[in-house]
Each structure stands twice: as structure tokens, then as C-alpha cells.
Amino acid sequence: MNFEKLLQTAPTVYFIGIKGTGMCALAELLHNSGYHVSGSDRDEAFYTDEILKELGIPYYESFAPEHVPADAGLVIRSAAYSRDSNSEIAEAEKRGIPVLKYTDALGAYSALFDSSGIAGVHGKTTTTAIAGTLMRGAGLPAQILAGSAVNAFRENGGFGGRSTLTLGNTYFVAETCEYRRHFLSFHPRRIILTSVESDHQDYYPTYESIRDAFIEYTKLLPLNGELIYCADDPGAVEVAESVNKGRVKLIPYGLNAKGDFKIVSLQTGEERIALRVAGFPGELRLRLPGRHIALDAVAALALTDSLVRAEYGEWTDARRESVRCALEEFRGSRRRQEILGEAGGILFMDDYGHHPTAIKTTLGGLREFYPRRRIVLSFMSHTYTRTAALLDEFAASFAPADRVVLHKIYGSAREVYRGGVSGRTLFEKTKALREGACYVEEPMEAVEVLKGILKPGDLFLTMGAGDNWKLGKALYGYYRENGAQ
């Protein structure tokens, strides 16, 4: 399908499931490019409601065949919906309107640009967010699409950010997802690979199966394409070693890297990270915790360096200084060590981490960053298959926290699980390894329990891909209104 020709001849695009993060972001990019965009979704409130309303993109909060515009030239659907489950998709197909799944539409869109895909089991959202921030500092004519809202992507800054940043139309940088090999629709000239390890066990039953998917993705790189990979991650190194080195340029980054993006020093002080990179003069500073964030920043810097050299030939001192300042001002993205605020002397934070490696590295980073704070964690595991496959790793990953409150497993409609692992199973495993763990089935039922645990000076963190973030929001509201008791 010639996506560009299709959009030129029929510039009305209808999105089914338009409130999804990726769907809303792609809708915004097309809207900003002058296309007529509208859509539909459920009537459940989501953070993208505000974005769609600000943009003036109309949408229904229900599904009905008559919603599909008479002049629609293309329908883009969320992977959550199919012809059998959604009357609007069936209607579009009945009328002969092309229907593309979101990941296929994103891939077709990427073919219109010099595109870079950011991939990995961990860190791809933060890396994409930092990349966009640095590219703005470098003055690059790029469009960026991240998998979460980024404060720095909102015009004039502020909170409640966007998932897209439009700086021009030469380059396109997007977070690309490995689940069900969705990233194979993308057309990359460059790939950042942050990490490869076992995950999504409902689709990739073994490490080898997910590793091979990433290898397949790197094979999409054209002659003289670039693979920017984390030299500190064994899985990413293994994938890089499978690449035809005479065909694709390999650019390692990290503490174990050789070349321009070797981290030659990294120091964590109170609420600051300072690092130096071999090929970038001067010190770089971050206001977010964790060595994993530093690695994400260096990956983003390597990609920015590639595009700066492609666009301008070389760096100027002014451009370097602008990038350095942009990095220090970066404040993260939604649900990635997102600070809700401080109330009653307690710092409230929310994070999407839902894999043992992400949990361990995030908690370890917070421990270094906030050495005087006690860390109280609420964790809700996501999917039964992941919990069962990595049960021991999950139980051990909470070690840096002082107190842990565990909840039921947040299941997924996409998995079929017939085993016996539950949230309480994870709690029993955790309790055997440490003190200070308790179990409250429903997150919101833990409000009173946590009022008896939290003290001024604590860091309270909700973590996981479930909905226990509501617990942190409720407690933050309570302490903001009542203070420490």
C-alpha cells in the first residue's frame, strides 16, 4: 500500500481506539500535517482525552457503523479491536475502505522519512523521550513519537505532556514494540537497541524466541544503516554480534563500550547524576535517578549525534551546549519515575516498571539518588504468564525497598493462563526472602494500611503496569489535604 499516495488522494483518516497512547500520537502527527482526523473509543476517561480536545480532533465515545465518515479514505485501528468485535471495522471493510492496524500504519508512516526505531525490553520510552529532548536542543528537523506522554514535548513545557514532538519533516524517530513482532512493520535506517531478555512469555516462551525477533528487526536495516546498542546488556550484545558488520555500522554505548559513546565516568550524588562520554566534551548532568537512565541518555545522545552529522556535517560548540542544557532540564515522562508531588513530608512517585530487571534497577537507582529516604513500594504484577515464568526473580527484585505492599495480579485479555500462580504466591515468595512485606489484594484497600506505614521523609512508589497508580494518587491527595498525622 502506497501510504503517501493514499493520504494524498483521500485525506480523511478515522481512528478506531483513538485514545490509545500510540493511536492518539499518530492521529496528532497526521492532524498536524493537515489531514482530516476523527475517531472513536470507549467512554472510559484517559489522559489522551485532554490532548484530543486541545487539538480539536472530534471523536465518539462509543462504536457504531454510522460513525465512520462518508469520505474516509483510511481507517486505522487499535490492535485491541478486530472485524469480529467492532462494528466500525466491519463497516469500513464493507465499504471497501482500507483498514490498517496501528503498527502497520506507523510502519507505513515511517517509510515517508529517514526513520529511526528505538527498541528493547527496557528503557525504550525514556530513551525516545530523551532523544526528542536532545533533538530539540540540537535544532534537528525531526518528528518524535514516544510510548508515553513527555512533559518536554508539550509546547512551552508544563505538565500533562504529549507523546509527539514535531520539529520538522526530515527525520522520524519512534518507539517500536517487540510484542508480537510489531516492530517488523517499521522502516528503520537506524535502530537503538537498549536491552534483550526474556519477556512477553505469552508470545515468546523462551529467551531465544524473543532474541530472534530482535535479530529479525535488525535485519531490516539497509546497507550502511546503524545499530546503536547497549554494550552493558548481554542480550543486546548478542543481537549486535549477529549483524553483518560489513553491511551495518555498529555503535556501542555504555560503561563497557569502545568508541565515542563509552561512559568514562558516572557519579551519583544527592538527586543528580554526572557523567562523561568519550566522544562528547564536558560533563553531562541528569536530574533523574538510576544508572539505567544514564544509559538511556547516552543512547539518545548517540542517535542525536548521528542525525546532527547527517544534517549539519559536524557539531558546533553552541549546539553541544544546547544539548547539554536540554538533558539537564529533562524531567521524564508519564509513569516513568513520575513524581506526583510531595505532601506530609512524603515524596510520591509512580513508575511503569513491570519486569524484575526494571524493578531492581529502578529501585537501586532510587536508593542511590535518595539515600536519606525510606522507600515504601506498592507493586502490582502484570500478566499471570510473566509472573509465573519469573516468580523467583520478582521476589528478589524488591530487595532495595524498605517496605513492600503487594497486590493481586493485573491480568491481560490477550493471555490464556491455566496455572496456579496468583498475587499471593508472589507475596509468599517475597516474604520468605525479606521482612517488611505485606499483601493487600485490591490496591485501593491498602490506603488505610499505608497510612499506618508512611512517615515524613519517605518515598512512596507505586510500580507496575496495572492500576495501582490510583493508590498513590489517592494517598497523595490525602496527605496534601491533611498533612502528616
Protein backbone atom coordinates (compact mmCIF):
# COMPACT_ATOMS: atom_id res chain seq x y z
CA MET A 1 0.00 0.00 0.00
CA ASN A 2 1.36 3.43 -1.01
CA PHE A 3 0.59 5.26 2.22
CA GLU A 4 1.61 8.69 0.96
CA LYS A 5 -0.45 8.41 -2.22
CA LEU A 6 -3.41 7.09 -0.24
CA LEU A 7 -3.31 10.05 2.13
CA GLN A 8 -2.95 12.50 -0.76
CA THR A 9 -5.97 11.15 -2.60
CA ALA A 10 -8.16 10.59 0.47
CA PRO A 11 -7.01 12.89 3.29
CA THR A 12 -9.73 11.89 5.78
CA VAL A 13 -8.49 9.36 8.35
CA TYR A 14 -10.62 7.67 11.00
CA PHE A 15 -9.04 6.10 14.13
CA ILE A 16 -10.79 3.25 15.96
CA GLY A 17 -9.42 3.21 19.51
CA ILE A 18 -8.13 6.76 19.19
CA LYS A 19 -7.48 7.24 22.94
CA GLY A 20 -4.62 4.73 22.99
CA THR A 21 -1.23 6.34 23.52
CA GLY A 22 0.20 5.34 20.14
CA MET A 23 -3.07 5.89 18.30
CA CYS A 24 -3.51 9.38 19.73
CA ALA A 25 0.11 10.22 18.89
CA LEU A 26 -0.21 9.11 15.26
CA ALA A 27 -3.53 10.95 15.00
CA GLU A 28 -1.76 14.09 16.22
CA LEU A 29 1.03 13.75 13.65
CA LEU A 30 -1.46 13.37 10.80
CA HIS A 31 -3.61 16.20 12.16
CA ASN A 32 -0.56 18.49 12.33
CA SER A 33 0.24 17.54 8.72
CA GLY A 34 -3.14 18.84 7.57
CA TYR A 35 -5.20 15.66 7.34
CA HIS A 36 -8.81 15.47 8.49
CA VAL A 37 -8.69 13.22 11.54
CA SER A 38 -11.50 11.86 13.73
CA GLY A 39 -12.14 8.67 15.66
CA SER A 40 -13.88 6.65 18.33
CA ASP A 41 -13.17 4.82 21.57
CA ARG A 42 -14.82 3.69 24.78
CA ASP A 43 -16.31 6.23 27.18
CA GLU A 44 -13.65 5.48 29.80
CA ALA A 45 -11.64 8.59 30.74
CA PHE A 46 -7.99 8.54 29.66
CA TYR A 47 -5.21 11.14 29.72
CA THR A 48 -5.35 11.46 25.93
CA ASP A 49 -8.87 12.93 26.17
CA GLU A 50 -7.30 16.27 27.04
CA ILE A 51 -4.85 16.08 24.12
CA LEU A 52 -7.55 15.25 21.57
CA LYS A 53 -9.74 18.08 22.83
CA GLU A 54 -6.86 20.57 22.74
CA LEU A 55 -6.12 19.59 19.15
CA GLY A 56 -9.79 19.84 18.19
CA ILE A 57 -9.90 16.25 16.94
CA PRO A 58 -13.51 15.04 17.19
CA TYR A 59 -14.22 11.54 18.50
CA TYR A 60 -17.12 9.39 19.62
CA GLU A 61 -17.13 7.59 22.95
CA SER A 62 -18.93 4.61 21.51
CA PHE A 63 -18.74 2.44 18.40
CA ALA A 64 -21.37 2.43 15.64
CA PRO A 65 -21.18 1.82 11.87
CA GLU A 66 -22.61 5.26 11.10
CA HIS A 67 -19.66 6.94 12.86
CA VAL A 68 -17.28 6.09 10.00
CA PRO A 69 -17.10 9.27 7.86
CA ALA A 70 -18.62 9.08 4.41
CA ASP A 71 -15.40 10.44 2.87
CA ALA A 72 -12.99 8.32 4.93
CA GLY A 73 -10.06 7.23 2.79
CA LEU A 74 -8.29 5.25 5.50
CA VAL A 75 -9.23 3.63 8.79
CA ILE A 76 -6.54 2.94 11.40
CA ARG A 77 -7.49 0.53 14.17
CA SER A 78 -6.04 -0.32 17.54
CA ALA A 79 -4.79 -3.91 17.88
CA ALA A 80 -7.41 -4.26 20.64
CA TYR A 81 -10.20 -4.36 18.04
CA SER A 82 -10.98 -6.67 15.14
CA ARG A 83 -13.66 -7.05 12.50
CA ASP A 84 -15.45 -9.64 14.62
CA SER A 85 -15.54 -7.44 17.73
CA ASN A 86 -16.04 -3.98 16.27
CA SER A 87 -18.90 -2.84 14.04
CA GLU A 88 -16.95 0.15 12.68
CA ILE A 89 -14.18 -2.05 11.29
CA ALA A 90 -16.79 -4.29 9.69
CA GLU A 91 -18.48 -1.23 8.17
CA ALA A 92 -15.21 0.15 6.77
CA GLU A 93 -14.38 -3.17 5.14
CA LYS A 94 -17.92 -3.41 3.77
CA ARG A 95 -17.42 -0.02 2.10
CA GLY A 96 -14.02 -1.02 0.73
CA ILE A 97 -12.11 1.49 2.87
CA PRO A 98 -8.53 0.36 3.57
CA VAL A 99 -8.10 -0.66 7.23
CA LEU A 100 -4.65 -0.71 8.81
CA LYS A 101 -3.64 -1.91 12.26
CA TYR A 102 -1.84 0.81 14.23
CA THR A 103 1.59 -0.82 13.97
CA ASP A 104 1.21 -1.26 10.20
CA ALA A 105 0.13 2.37 9.83
CA LEU A 106 3.10 3.51 11.93
CA GLY A 107 5.39 1.42 9.74
CA ALA A 108 3.90 2.89 6.56
CA TYR A 109 4.30 6.39 8.00
CA SER A 110 7.95 5.69 8.86
CA ALA A 111 8.66 4.86 5.20
CA LEU A 112 7.99 8.52 4.33
CA PHE A 113 11.06 9.72 6.31
CA ASP A 114 14.63 8.96 7.27
CA SER A 115 13.43 6.93 10.27
CA SER A 116 14.99 5.59 13.45
CA GLY A 117 13.40 2.94 15.67
CA ILE A 118 14.05 2.71 19.40
CA ALA A 119 13.65 -0.82 20.72
CA GLY A 120 14.41 -3.01 23.71
CA VAL A 121 12.72 -4.87 26.54
CA HIS A 122 13.52 -1.99 28.90
CA GLY A 123 14.11 1.73 28.51
CA LYS A 124 12.70 2.43 25.07
CA THR A 125 10.14 5.02 26.23
CA THR A 126 12.65 7.01 28.29
CA THR A 127 15.27 6.76 25.54
CA THR A 128 12.77 8.08 22.98
CA ALA A 129 11.73 10.89 25.31
CA ILE A 130 15.34 11.94 25.92
CA ALA A 131 16.13 11.65 22.20
CA GLY A 132 13.33 14.07 21.36
CA THR A 133 14.53 16.46 24.05
CA LEU A 134 18.12 16.40 22.74
CA MET A 135 17.00 16.76 19.13
CA ARG A 136 15.07 19.87 20.03
CA GLY A 137 18.24 21.19 21.68
CA ALA A 138 20.25 20.32 18.55
CA GLY A 139 17.76 22.02 16.24
CA LEU A 140 17.10 18.90 14.17
CA PRO A 141 14.12 18.82 11.74
CA ALA A 142 12.57 15.68 13.21
CA GLN A 143 9.29 14.21 14.36
CA ILE A 144 9.36 12.06 17.50
CA LEU A 145 6.76 9.57 18.75
CA ALA A 146 7.11 8.12 22.25
CA GLY A 147 5.09 5.45 24.04
CA SER A 148 4.05 7.79 26.84
CA ALA A 149 3.32 11.45 27.47
CA VAL A 150 6.50 13.53 27.83
CA ASN A 151 6.42 16.88 29.61
CA ALA A 152 9.21 18.26 27.43
CA PHE A 153 7.18 17.51 24.29
CA ARG A 154 4.44 19.95 25.26
CA GLU A 155 4.73 23.36 23.66
CA ASN A 156 6.20 25.81 26.19
CA GLY A 157 6.82 22.97 28.66
CA GLY A 158 4.46 22.26 31.55
CA PHE A 159 2.88 19.08 32.84
CA GLY A 160 0.44 16.72 31.17
CA GLY A 161 2.75 16.35 28.17
CA ARG A 162 2.39 14.90 24.71
CA SER A 163 3.60 11.70 23.08
CA THR A 164 4.71 13.54 19.93
CA LEU A 165 7.13 16.32 19.17
CA THR A 166 7.23 17.95 15.73
CA LEU A 167 10.41 19.87 14.91
CA GLY A 168 10.44 19.32 11.12
CA ASN A 169 9.83 16.73 8.41
CA THR A 170 13.22 15.23 7.53
CA TYR A 171 13.66 12.62 10.29
CA PHE A 172 11.22 10.40 12.16
CA VAL A 173 12.12 8.78 15.49
CA ALA A 174 9.69 6.35 17.11
CA GLU A 175 9.47 3.88 19.95
CA THR A 176 8.96 0.47 18.38
CA CYS A 177 7.49 -2.51 20.22
CA GLU A 178 8.69 -6.11 20.14
CA TYR A 179 5.36 -7.65 21.26
CA ARG A 180 4.02 -9.97 18.56
CA ARG A 181 6.85 -8.68 16.34
CA HIS A 182 5.01 -5.40 15.83
CA PHE A 183 8.27 -3.59 15.08
CA LEU A 184 8.74 -5.57 11.85
CA SER A 185 6.37 -3.13 10.12
CA PHE A 186 8.80 -0.26 10.74
CA HIS A 187 11.31 1.04 8.13
CA PRO A 188 14.45 1.99 10.09
CA ARG A 189 17.69 3.49 8.84
CA ARG A 190 18.91 3.44 12.44
CA ILE A 191 17.95 1.32 15.46
CA ILE A 192 18.69 1.87 19.12
CA LEU A 193 18.70 -1.45 20.99
CA THR A 194 18.63 -0.94 24.77
CA SER A 195 18.18 -4.49 26.09
CA VAL A 196 17.11 -8.02 25.21
CA GLU A 197 15.94 -10.59 27.73
CA SER A 198 13.02 -12.91 28.34
CA ASP A 199 9.64 -11.16 28.44
CA HIS A 200 6.10 -11.41 26.98
CA GLN A 201 6.08 -15.10 27.80
CA ASP A 202 2.58 -15.47 26.38
CA TYR A 203 4.11 -14.86 22.93
CA TYR A 204 7.84 -15.57 23.39
CA PRO A 205 8.08 -18.74 25.51
CA THR A 206 11.91 -18.73 25.58
CA TYR A 207 14.72 -16.19 25.62
CA GLU A 208 15.84 -17.47 22.23
CA SER A 209 12.45 -16.71 20.68
CA ILE A 210 12.47 -13.06 21.75
CA ARG A 211 16.16 -12.68 20.88
CA ASP A 212 15.47 -13.97 17.37
CA ALA A 213 12.69 -11.40 16.95
CA PHE A 214 15.16 -8.60 17.70
CA ILE A 215 17.66 -10.14 15.28
CA GLU A 216 14.94 -10.15 12.63
CA TYR A 217 14.28 -6.48 13.34
CA THR A 218 17.95 -5.52 12.91
CA LYS A 219 17.93 -7.27 9.53
CA LEU A 220 15.56 -4.55 8.32
CA LEU A 221 18.42 -2.05 8.47
CA PRO A 222 19.57 -1.04 4.98
CA LEU A 223 23.13 -1.01 3.67
CA ASN A 224 25.12 1.45 5.83
CA GLY A 225 22.33 1.57 8.38
CA GLU A 226 23.29 1.94 12.04
CA LEU A 227 22.68 -0.23 15.08
CA ILE A 228 23.25 1.69 18.31
CA TYR A 229 23.33 -0.96 21.04
CA CYS A 230 23.99 -1.19 24.77
CA ALA A 231 27.36 -2.81 25.35
CA ASP A 232 26.38 -3.39 29.01
CA ASP A 233 23.42 -5.62 28.13
CA PRO A 234 24.31 -9.23 27.22
CA GLY A 235 21.20 -9.71 25.07
CA ALA A 236 21.79 -6.53 23.08
CA VAL A 237 25.43 -7.55 22.56
CA GLU A 238 24.34 -10.98 21.34
CA VAL A 239 21.98 -9.44 18.81
CA ALA A 240 24.66 -6.99 17.65
CA GLU A 241 27.11 -9.85 17.14
CA SER A 242 24.63 -11.48 14.76
CA VAL A 243 24.60 -8.44 12.45
CA ASN A 244 26.58 -8.40 9.21
CA LYS A 245 29.26 -5.95 10.27
CA GLY A 246 30.27 -5.12 6.71
CA ARG A 247 26.73 -4.09 5.91
CA VAL A 248 25.62 -2.24 9.04
CA LYS A 249 27.59 0.17 11.23
CA LEU A 250 27.67 -0.93 14.88
CA ILE A 251 27.75 1.84 17.51
CA PRO A 252 28.11 0.54 21.09
CA TYR A 253 27.35 2.67 24.13
CA GLY A 254 27.75 2.20 27.88
CA LEU A 255 30.38 1.53 30.51
CA ASN A 256 31.69 -1.50 28.60
CA ALA A 257 31.59 0.15 25.18
CA LYS A 258 34.51 1.09 22.97
CA GLY A 259 34.45 4.28 20.97
CA ASP A 260 32.79 7.66 21.24
CA PHE A 261 29.90 6.56 23.46
CA LYS A 262 31.85 4.83 26.17
CA ILE A 263 30.85 6.20 29.58
CA VAL A 264 34.22 7.11 31.10
CA SER A 265 32.84 8.34 34.42
CA LEU A 266 29.48 8.17 36.18
CA GLN A 267 28.77 9.59 39.62
CA THR A 268 25.52 9.71 41.57
CA GLY A 269 25.14 12.37 44.24
CA GLU A 270 22.04 13.52 46.04
CA GLU A 271 19.41 13.99 43.35
CA ARG A 272 21.94 14.38 40.49
CA ILE A 273 23.83 12.10 38.09
CA ALA A 274 27.01 13.40 36.45
CA LEU A 275 28.66 11.53 33.60
CA ARG A 276 31.27 11.94 30.91
CA VAL A 277 31.23 10.30 27.50
CA ALA A 278 34.39 9.68 25.47
CA GLY A 279 33.31 11.48 22.31
CA PHE A 280 31.33 14.37 23.79
CA PRO A 281 33.34 17.13 25.52
CA GLY A 282 32.38 18.23 29.02
CA GLU A 283 30.15 16.88 31.76
CA LEU A 284 26.56 15.75 31.23
CA ARG A 285 24.08 16.01 34.11
CA LEU A 286 20.74 14.33 34.80
CA ARG A 287 18.07 15.07 37.39
CA LEU A 288 16.55 11.58 37.24
CA PRO A 289 17.71 8.59 39.29
CA GLY A 290 19.39 5.44 38.10
CA ARG A 291 22.32 4.27 36.02
CA HIS A 292 19.82 2.80 33.60
CA ILE A 293 18.59 6.36 32.91
CA ALA A 294 22.19 7.41 32.25
CA LEU A 295 22.47 4.59 29.71
CA ASP A 296 19.24 5.70 28.05
CA ALA A 297 20.63 9.24 27.85
CA VAL A 298 23.84 8.10 26.17
CA ALA A 299 21.85 6.03 23.66
CA ALA A 300 19.77 9.10 22.84
CA LEU A 301 22.96 11.15 22.52
CA ALA A 302 24.43 8.61 20.07
CA LEU A 303 21.34 8.84 17.87
CA THR A 304 21.31 12.65 18.08
CA ASP A 305 25.00 12.66 17.10
CA SER A 306 24.23 10.54 14.03
CA LEU A 307 21.45 12.89 12.90
CA VAL A 308 23.46 16.04 13.62
CA ARG A 309 26.28 14.73 11.43
CA ALA A 310 23.81 13.72 8.71
CA GLU A 311 22.09 17.13 8.79
CA TYR A 312 24.90 19.57 9.58
CA GLY A 313 28.13 17.68 8.97
CA GLU A 314 29.61 18.48 12.38
CA TRP A 315 28.82 19.81 15.85
CA THR A 316 29.25 23.40 16.93
CA ASP A 317 30.08 24.43 20.48
CA ALA A 318 26.72 26.21 20.71
CA ARG A 319 24.81 23.11 19.63
CA ARG A 320 26.68 20.94 22.13
CA GLU A 321 25.90 23.36 24.94
CA SER A 322 22.22 23.48 23.94
CA VAL A 323 22.04 19.66 24.04
CA ARG A 324 23.81 19.57 27.40
CA CYS A 325 21.30 22.04 28.88
CA ALA A 326 18.35 20.16 27.37
CA LEU A 327 19.48 16.92 29.03
CA GLU A 328 19.80 18.52 32.46
CA GLU A 329 16.31 20.00 32.15
CA PHE A 330 14.72 16.65 31.19
CA ARG A 331 12.12 15.62 33.77
CA GLY A 332 10.96 12.25 32.47
CA SER A 333 7.67 11.02 31.05
CA ARG A 334 4.33 9.79 32.29
CA ARG A 335 4.59 6.70 34.53
CA ARG A 336 8.41 6.61 34.25
CA GLN A 337 9.61 7.63 37.73
CA GLU A 338 6.92 10.28 37.51
CA ILE A 339 6.84 12.49 40.58
CA LEU A 340 3.27 13.22 41.65
CA GLY A 341 4.43 15.65 44.32
CA GLU A 342 5.43 15.88 47.97
CA ALA A 343 2.90 16.08 50.79
CA GLY A 344 3.19 15.48 54.52
CA GLY A 345 6.95 15.20 54.02
CA ILE A 346 6.41 12.15 51.77
CA LEU A 347 7.55 12.10 48.12
CA PHE A 348 5.00 10.32 45.88
CA MET A 349 6.18 8.69 42.66
CA ASP A 350 4.73 6.34 40.03
CA ASP A 351 6.58 4.02 37.65
CA TYR A 352 5.53 1.60 34.89
CA GLY A 353 8.28 -0.94 35.63
CA HIS A 354 6.80 -4.45 35.44
CA HIS A 355 9.78 -6.74 34.77
CA PRO A 356 12.19 -7.87 37.53
CA THR A 357 15.18 -6.26 35.85
CA ALA A 358 13.38 -2.92 35.54
CA ILE A 359 12.18 -3.12 39.15
CA LYS A 360 15.63 -3.92 40.53
CA THR A 361 17.45 -1.24 38.52
CA THR A 362 14.81 1.42 39.25
CA LEU A 363 14.77 0.71 42.98
CA GLY A 364 18.57 0.59 43.07
CA GLY A 365 18.74 3.93 41.29
CA LEU A 366 16.27 5.47 43.71
CA ARG A 367 18.28 4.15 46.65
CA GLU A 368 21.41 5.93 45.34
CA PHE A 369 19.53 9.08 44.36
CA TYR A 370 17.59 9.46 47.63
CA PRO A 371 19.97 7.97 50.21
CA ARG A 372 18.14 9.53 53.18
CA ARG A 373 14.64 8.43 52.23
CA ARG A 374 12.95 5.19 53.24
CA ILE A 375 11.46 3.51 50.13
CA VAL A 376 7.93 2.14 50.52
CA LEU A 377 6.78 0.21 47.45
CA SER A 378 3.35 -0.81 46.18
CA PHE A 379 3.74 -3.36 43.37
CA MET A 380 1.11 -4.92 41.13
CA SER A 381 2.38 -7.64 38.82
CA HIS A 382 1.19 -7.66 35.19
CA THR A 383 0.09 -10.89 33.47
CA TYR A 384 -0.02 -14.34 35.01
CA THR A 385 2.39 -15.82 32.45
CA ARG A 386 5.14 -13.27 33.18
CA THR A 387 4.66 -13.65 36.96
CA ALA A 388 4.80 -17.44 36.77
CA ALA A 389 7.84 -17.51 34.49
CA LEU A 390 9.84 -15.01 36.58
CA LEU A 391 8.46 -15.65 40.06
CA ASP A 392 11.80 -16.01 41.86
CA GLU A 393 13.27 -13.01 40.01
CA PHE A 394 10.28 -10.85 41.00
CA ALA A 395 10.58 -11.82 44.67
CA ALA A 396 14.29 -10.96 44.71
CA SER A 397 13.90 -7.68 42.78
CA PHE A 398 12.26 -5.82 45.69
CA ALA A 399 15.44 -6.00 47.84
CA PRO A 400 16.33 -2.26 47.66
CA ALA A 401 12.92 -1.25 49.08
CA ASP A 402 12.41 -0.89 52.84
CA ARG A 403 8.74 -1.90 52.86
CA VAL A 404 6.75 -3.71 50.15
CA VAL A 405 2.98 -3.95 49.70
CA LEU A 406 1.94 -6.50 47.07
CA HIS A 407 -1.42 -6.86 45.32
CA LYS A 408 -3.31 -9.21 43.03
CA ILE A 409 -2.04 -9.83 39.51
CA TYR A 410 -3.31 -7.42 36.87
CA GLY A 411 -4.34 -9.85 34.14
CA SER A 412 -4.42 -9.34 30.39
CA ALA A 413 -7.18 -10.26 27.95
CA ARG A 414 -4.51 -11.35 25.48
CA GLU A 415 -3.21 -14.27 27.58
CA VAL A 416 -4.58 -17.71 28.36
CA TYR A 417 -3.29 -18.99 31.71
CA ARG A 418 -4.35 -22.17 33.48
CA GLY A 419 -1.69 -22.36 36.20
CA GLY A 420 -1.99 -21.67 39.90
CA VAL A 421 0.21 -18.59 40.40
CA SER A 422 -1.50 -15.58 41.99
CA GLY A 423 -0.54 -12.33 43.67
CA ARG A 424 -0.48 -14.15 46.98
CA THR A 425 2.01 -16.68 45.54
CA LEU A 426 4.38 -13.83 44.80
CA PHE A 427 3.85 -12.46 48.29
CA GLU A 428 4.74 -15.81 49.91
CA LYS A 429 7.93 -15.98 47.82
CA THR A 430 8.82 -12.40 48.76
CA LYS A 431 8.06 -12.90 52.46
CA ALA A 432 10.45 -15.86 52.56
CA LEU A 433 13.30 -13.61 51.36
CA ARG A 434 12.73 -10.48 53.44
CA GLU A 435 10.94 -8.72 56.23
CA GLY A 436 8.65 -5.75 55.74
CA ALA A 437 6.34 -7.26 53.10
CA CYS A 438 2.56 -7.42 53.32
CA TYR A 439 -0.29 -8.36 50.98
CA VAL A 440 -3.47 -6.42 50.21
CA GLU A 441 -5.45 -7.97 47.35
CA GLU A 442 -7.09 -4.81 45.99
CA PRO A 443 -4.78 -1.79 45.72
CA MET A 444 -7.33 0.75 46.94
CA GLU A 445 -7.93 -1.34 50.07
CA ALA A 446 -4.31 -0.60 51.04
CA VAL A 447 -4.99 3.08 51.74
CA GLU A 448 -5.55 2.62 55.48
CA VAL A 449 -2.69 0.11 55.77
CA LEU A 450 -0.27 2.58 54.20
CA LYS A 451 -1.42 5.45 56.40
CA GLY A 452 -0.04 3.35 59.26
CA ILE A 453 3.26 2.72 57.44
CA LEU A 454 4.18 6.01 55.77
CA LYS A 455 6.25 8.60 57.64
CA PRO A 456 7.66 12.05 56.80
CA GLY A 457 10.85 11.64 54.77
CA ASP A 458 9.61 8.51 52.94
CA LEU A 459 9.47 7.91 49.21
CA PHE A 460 6.23 6.12 48.31
CA LEU A 461 6.39 4.42 44.91
CA THR A 462 3.57 2.71 43.03
CA MET A 463 5.02 0.39 40.42
CA GLY A 464 3.69 -1.91 37.71
CA ALA A 465 1.65 -1.94 34.51
CA GLY A 466 -1.63 -2.35 36.43
CA ASP A 467 -3.87 0.25 38.04
CA ASN A 468 -2.29 0.57 41.49
CA TRP A 469 -1.22 4.07 40.42
CA LYS A 470 -4.67 5.05 41.72
CA LEU A 471 -3.43 4.15 45.21
CA GLY A 472 -0.57 6.63 45.01
CA LYS A 473 -2.87 9.31 43.65
CA ALA A 474 -5.35 8.76 46.50
CA LEU A 475 -2.66 8.84 49.19
CA TYR A 476 -1.03 11.91 47.72
CA GLY A 477 -4.40 13.65 47.76
CA TYR A 478 -5.00 12.61 51.37
CA TYR A 479 -1.61 13.86 52.65
CA ARG A 480 -1.84 17.05 50.63
CA GLU A 481 -5.14 17.81 52.33
CA ASN A 482 -4.33 16.54 55.82
CA GLY A 483 -0.53 16.57 56.10
CA ALA A 484 1.37 14.11 58.28
CA GLN A 485 -0.69 12.85 61.20
